[in-house]
Amino acid sequence: MGNERVFAMKLSKNYPLLVQKAERKNRTKGEVDQLVFWLTGYDAEGLARQLERDVDYGTFFREAPRMNPEAACIKGTVCGVKVESIGDPLMQQVRWLDKLVDELAKGKPVETILHR
């Protein structure tokens, strides 16, 4: 899937998929939210506002209050691509979130995921 198609996906469609992925592995929406908040600087109100506005994924990340500078430490593979080698900064942010949720779904505690 091309970058522009990923950026055009609605947050209101993708966010529930991230939550479902975690919940299938007995994790919670609250844990997914912790990861979202840590990465993007959104809080519960900010996330809810973006969902209500029905923004696309690109807008969600471009309007993030504060991308966590520690996110650059996120390493690993998502969809067969090493997140640390992604050239497009916006796509890298998208894949960072995917990687965090992947780690959560694999059973890692949130504290371990966020303390890189």
Protein backbone atom coordinates (compact mmCIF):
# COMPACT_ATOMS: atom_id res chain seq x y z
CA MET A 1 0.00 0.00 0.00
CA GLY A 2 1.43 3.37 -1.04
CA ASN A 3 2.19 6.10 1.45
CA GLU A 4 -0.59 8.38 0.23
CA ARG A 5 -3.16 5.61 0.61
CA VAL A 6 -1.99 4.98 4.18
CA PHE A 7 -2.11 8.69 5.02
CA ALA A 8 -5.62 8.94 3.56
CA MET A 9 -7.03 6.14 5.75
CA LYS A 10 -9.49 7.45 8.31
CA LEU A 11 -8.35 7.39 11.93
CA SER A 12 -11.89 6.34 12.84
CA LYS A 13 -11.37 3.14 10.82
CA ASN A 14 -7.76 2.40 11.75
CA TYR A 15 -7.80 3.16 15.49
CA PRO A 16 -10.45 0.49 16.24
CA LEU A 17 -8.33 -2.01 14.29
CA LEU A 18 -5.36 -1.27 16.53
CA VAL A 19 -7.56 -1.74 19.60
CA GLN A 20 -9.01 -4.98 18.22
CA LYS A 21 -5.52 -6.33 17.52
CA ALA A 22 -4.57 -5.71 21.15
CA GLU A 23 -7.85 -7.02 22.55
CA ARG A 24 -7.50 -10.29 20.59
CA LYS A 25 -4.38 -10.86 22.69
CA ASN A 26 -6.13 -9.98 25.97
CA ARG A 27 -4.78 -6.44 26.07
CA THR A 28 -6.93 -3.34 26.54
CA LYS A 29 -7.99 -0.19 24.74
CA GLY A 30 -6.48 1.70 27.68
CA GLU A 31 -3.09 0.17 26.95
CA VAL A 32 -3.35 1.10 23.27
CA ASP A 33 -4.27 4.64 24.33
CA GLN A 34 -1.19 4.81 26.56
CA LEU A 35 0.96 3.98 23.54
CA VAL A 36 -0.84 6.56 21.36
CA PHE A 37 -0.48 9.24 24.04
CA TRP A 38 3.21 8.47 24.62
CA LEU A 39 4.04 8.55 20.92
CA THR A 40 1.99 11.53 19.79
CA GLY A 41 1.42 13.74 22.82
CA TYR A 42 -2.36 13.51 22.44
CA ASP A 43 -4.41 13.02 25.58
CA ALA A 44 -7.82 11.32 25.81
CA GLU A 45 -9.63 14.54 24.88
CA GLY A 46 -7.33 15.24 21.93
CA LEU A 47 -7.70 11.71 20.59
CA ALA A 48 -11.48 11.87 20.96
CA ARG A 49 -11.53 15.22 19.14
CA GLN A 50 -9.54 13.80 16.21
CA LEU A 51 -11.87 10.80 16.04
CA GLU A 52 -14.92 13.11 16.06
CA ARG A 53 -13.41 15.24 13.29
CA ASP A 54 -12.91 12.02 11.32
CA VAL A 55 -9.39 13.03 10.32
CA ASP A 56 -7.23 10.89 8.12
CA TYR A 57 -4.11 9.19 9.43
CA GLY A 58 -1.79 11.74 7.87
CA THR A 59 -3.61 14.61 9.57
CA PHE A 60 -3.64 12.77 12.88
CA PHE A 61 0.15 12.49 12.88
CA ARG A 62 0.82 15.92 11.34
CA GLU A 63 -1.33 17.56 14.05
CA ALA A 64 0.15 15.52 16.89
CA PRO A 65 0.84 17.84 19.82
CA ARG A 66 4.35 16.48 20.37
CA MET A 67 5.92 13.42 18.83
CA ASN A 68 7.98 11.74 21.52
CA PRO A 69 11.69 12.24 20.81
CA GLU A 70 12.33 8.76 22.21
CA ALA A 71 10.30 7.31 19.34
CA ALA A 72 13.47 7.35 17.27
CA CYS A 73 14.61 4.43 19.46
CA ILE A 74 11.78 2.23 18.16
CA LYS A 75 13.35 -0.57 16.16
CA GLY A 76 12.04 -3.65 14.43
CA THR A 77 10.04 -4.78 11.46
CA VAL A 78 6.46 -3.93 10.50
CA CYS A 79 4.98 -5.24 7.27
CA GLY A 80 8.41 -6.55 6.29
CA VAL A 81 10.08 -3.14 6.62
CA LYS A 82 12.52 -2.03 9.31
CA VAL A 83 10.91 1.00 10.96
CA GLU A 84 14.28 2.61 11.61
CA SER A 85 15.07 2.64 7.87
CA ILE A 86 11.83 4.27 6.63
CA GLY A 87 12.76 7.45 4.75
CA ASP A 88 9.42 9.28 4.89
CA PRO A 89 9.09 10.80 8.39
CA LEU A 90 5.29 10.66 8.35
CA MET A 91 5.24 7.01 7.29
CA GLN A 92 7.82 6.27 9.95
CA GLN A 93 5.50 7.77 12.59
CA VAL A 94 2.63 5.60 11.35
CA ARG A 95 4.81 2.48 11.49
CA TRP A 96 6.13 3.41 14.95
CA LEU A 97 2.58 3.19 16.26
CA ASP A 98 2.06 -0.10 14.44
CA LYS A 99 5.25 -1.47 16.01
CA LEU A 100 4.24 -0.36 19.52
CA VAL A 101 0.85 -2.08 19.18
CA ASP A 102 2.56 -5.19 17.74
CA GLU A 103 4.77 -5.39 20.83
CA LEU A 104 1.73 -4.97 23.08
CA ALA A 105 -0.09 -7.76 21.23
CA LYS A 106 2.95 -9.99 21.65
CA GLY A 107 2.56 -9.72 25.41
CA LYS A 108 5.09 -7.09 26.37
CA PRO A 109 4.03 -4.88 29.29
CA VAL A 110 3.36 -1.24 28.38
CA GLU A 111 6.10 -0.12 30.80
CA THR A 112 8.67 -2.26 28.99
CA ILE A 113 7.54 -1.01 25.58
CA LEU A 114 7.79 2.65 26.61
CA HIS A 115 11.10 2.40 28.47
CA ARG A 116 13.36 1.74 25.57
